[in-house]
Amino acid sequence: MDFMFIMYNNIGESKFGLGLGYERIFDEHKHNTAGIVGTYRPINRLSFNVSPGLTFEDGEPGGRFALHLESSYEYEIGNFHIGPAAEVAYDPEDYHFSLGLHVGYGF
């Protein structure tokens, strides 16, 4: 199971946004990633996110560089948006593809 949370703000009236993101994968590795997020929304509800950041495994000291590419289809509830997501992630020790739940907050 994969959980992603993103807070971002659109840049003016454009289709682009910037923000912060967090991902948690609930498996034996207890994988956590935090990063800066760039968002592009070509059409309403569809978003593409690029997030360079740091990955941490529970119980391991330090973090390592990670890059996440995500696409999600969002349903808006006030300032929150939630929906299915697909993601590809890379760090020097691992890579993964995941399907999960995207939860975001636009401000």
Protein backbone atom coordinates (compact mmCIF):
# COMPACT_ATOMS: atom_id res chain seq x y z
CA MET A 1 0.00 0.00 0.00
CA ASP A 2 1.27 3.41 -0.98
CA PHE A 3 0.12 6.76 0.47
CA MET A 4 1.10 10.11 -1.08
CA PHE A 5 0.35 13.60 0.26
CA ILE A 6 1.12 16.80 -1.65
CA MET A 7 0.63 20.44 -0.71
CA TYR A 8 1.01 22.85 -3.61
CA ASN A 9 0.05 26.23 -4.94
CA ASN A 10 -0.65 27.03 -8.58
CA ILE A 11 1.61 29.64 -10.13
CA GLY A 12 -0.84 32.41 -10.94
CA GLU A 13 -3.53 31.22 -13.34
CA SER A 14 -1.15 28.78 -15.07
CA LYS A 15 -1.37 25.00 -15.23
CA PHE A 16 1.85 24.73 -13.18
CA GLY A 17 2.31 24.54 -9.42
CA LEU A 18 5.00 24.15 -6.75
CA GLY A 19 4.81 22.50 -3.37
CA LEU A 20 5.98 19.86 -0.93
CA GLY A 21 5.24 16.15 -0.94
CA TYR A 22 5.47 13.09 1.32
CA GLU A 23 5.15 9.41 0.43
CA ARG A 24 4.88 6.39 2.72
CA ILE A 25 5.01 2.80 1.49
CA PHE A 26 3.62 0.33 3.98
CA ASP A 27 5.82 -2.72 3.38
CA GLU A 28 8.73 -4.46 5.13
CA HIS A 29 11.10 -1.55 4.26
CA LYS A 30 8.92 1.17 5.82
CA HIS A 31 9.91 3.58 3.06
CA ASN A 32 9.42 7.36 3.56
CA THR A 33 10.19 10.07 1.01
CA ALA A 34 9.92 13.86 1.32
CA GLY A 35 10.59 16.27 -1.52
CA ILE A 36 9.84 19.39 -3.51
CA VAL A 37 7.03 18.90 -6.03
CA GLY A 38 6.52 20.44 -9.45
CA THR A 39 2.98 19.95 -10.76
CA TYR A 40 1.50 20.24 -14.24
CA ARG A 41 -2.28 20.00 -14.76
CA PRO A 42 -2.97 19.80 -18.53
CA ILE A 43 -6.72 19.31 -17.97
CA ASN A 44 -9.03 19.51 -15.00
CA ARG A 45 -8.52 16.59 -12.55
CA LEU A 46 -5.42 15.15 -14.27
CA SER A 47 -2.04 16.03 -12.77
CA PHE A 48 1.57 15.07 -13.40
CA ASN A 49 4.09 15.55 -10.59
CA VAL A 50 7.89 15.49 -10.50
CA SER A 51 9.47 15.35 -7.06
CA PRO A 52 13.19 15.24 -6.27
CA GLY A 53 13.77 14.58 -2.58
CA LEU A 54 15.20 12.31 0.11
CA THR A 55 14.22 8.73 0.95
CA PHE A 56 14.49 7.33 4.47
CA GLU A 57 13.95 3.75 5.62
CA ASP A 58 12.69 3.29 9.20
CA GLY A 59 15.57 2.38 11.49
CA GLU A 60 18.33 3.44 9.07
CA PRO A 61 20.41 6.58 9.66
CA GLY A 62 20.55 9.29 7.00
CA GLY A 63 18.73 9.56 3.72
CA ARG A 64 19.49 9.24 0.01
CA PHE A 65 18.47 11.12 -3.12
CA ALA A 66 15.20 10.02 -4.74
CA LEU A 67 13.17 11.04 -7.78
CA HIS A 68 9.43 10.41 -8.04
CA LEU A 69 7.24 10.77 -11.13
CA GLU A 70 3.51 10.57 -10.42
CA SER A 71 0.28 10.87 -12.34
CA SER A 72 -3.07 11.14 -10.59
CA TYR A 73 -6.73 11.72 -11.37
CA GLU A 74 -8.15 13.94 -8.65
CA TYR A 75 -11.58 14.62 -7.23
CA GLU A 76 -11.81 17.95 -5.40
CA ILE A 77 -13.45 18.35 -2.00
CA GLY A 78 -12.96 21.99 -1.08
CA ASN A 79 -9.19 22.63 -1.06
CA PHE A 80 -8.47 18.89 -0.81
CA HIS A 81 -8.07 16.59 -3.78
CA ILE A 82 -8.04 12.81 -3.64
CA GLY A 83 -7.84 10.06 -6.23
CA PRO A 84 -5.98 7.13 -7.73
CA ALA A 85 -2.31 7.56 -8.60
CA ALA A 86 0.44 5.75 -10.45
CA GLU A 87 4.08 6.42 -9.62
CA VAL A 88 7.59 5.50 -10.68
CA ALA A 89 10.34 6.20 -8.16
CA TYR A 90 14.12 5.91 -8.22
CA ASP A 91 16.90 6.09 -5.67
CA PRO A 92 20.47 4.73 -6.00
CA GLU A 93 19.58 1.51 -4.13
CA ASP A 94 16.12 0.79 -5.50
CA TYR A 95 13.34 1.70 -7.89
CA HIS A 96 9.66 0.90 -7.76
CA PHE A 97 6.36 1.29 -9.57
CA SER A 98 3.31 1.70 -7.41
CA LEU A 99 -0.38 2.32 -7.52
CA GLY A 100 -1.83 4.21 -4.61
CA LEU A 101 -4.01 6.91 -3.18
CA HIS A 102 -3.09 10.53 -3.85
CA VAL A 103 -4.21 13.04 -1.20
CA GLY A 104 -3.42 16.69 -1.77
CA TYR A 105 -4.16 20.14 -0.44
CA GLY A 106 -4.13 23.21 -2.66
CA PHE A 107 -3.55 26.58 -1.06
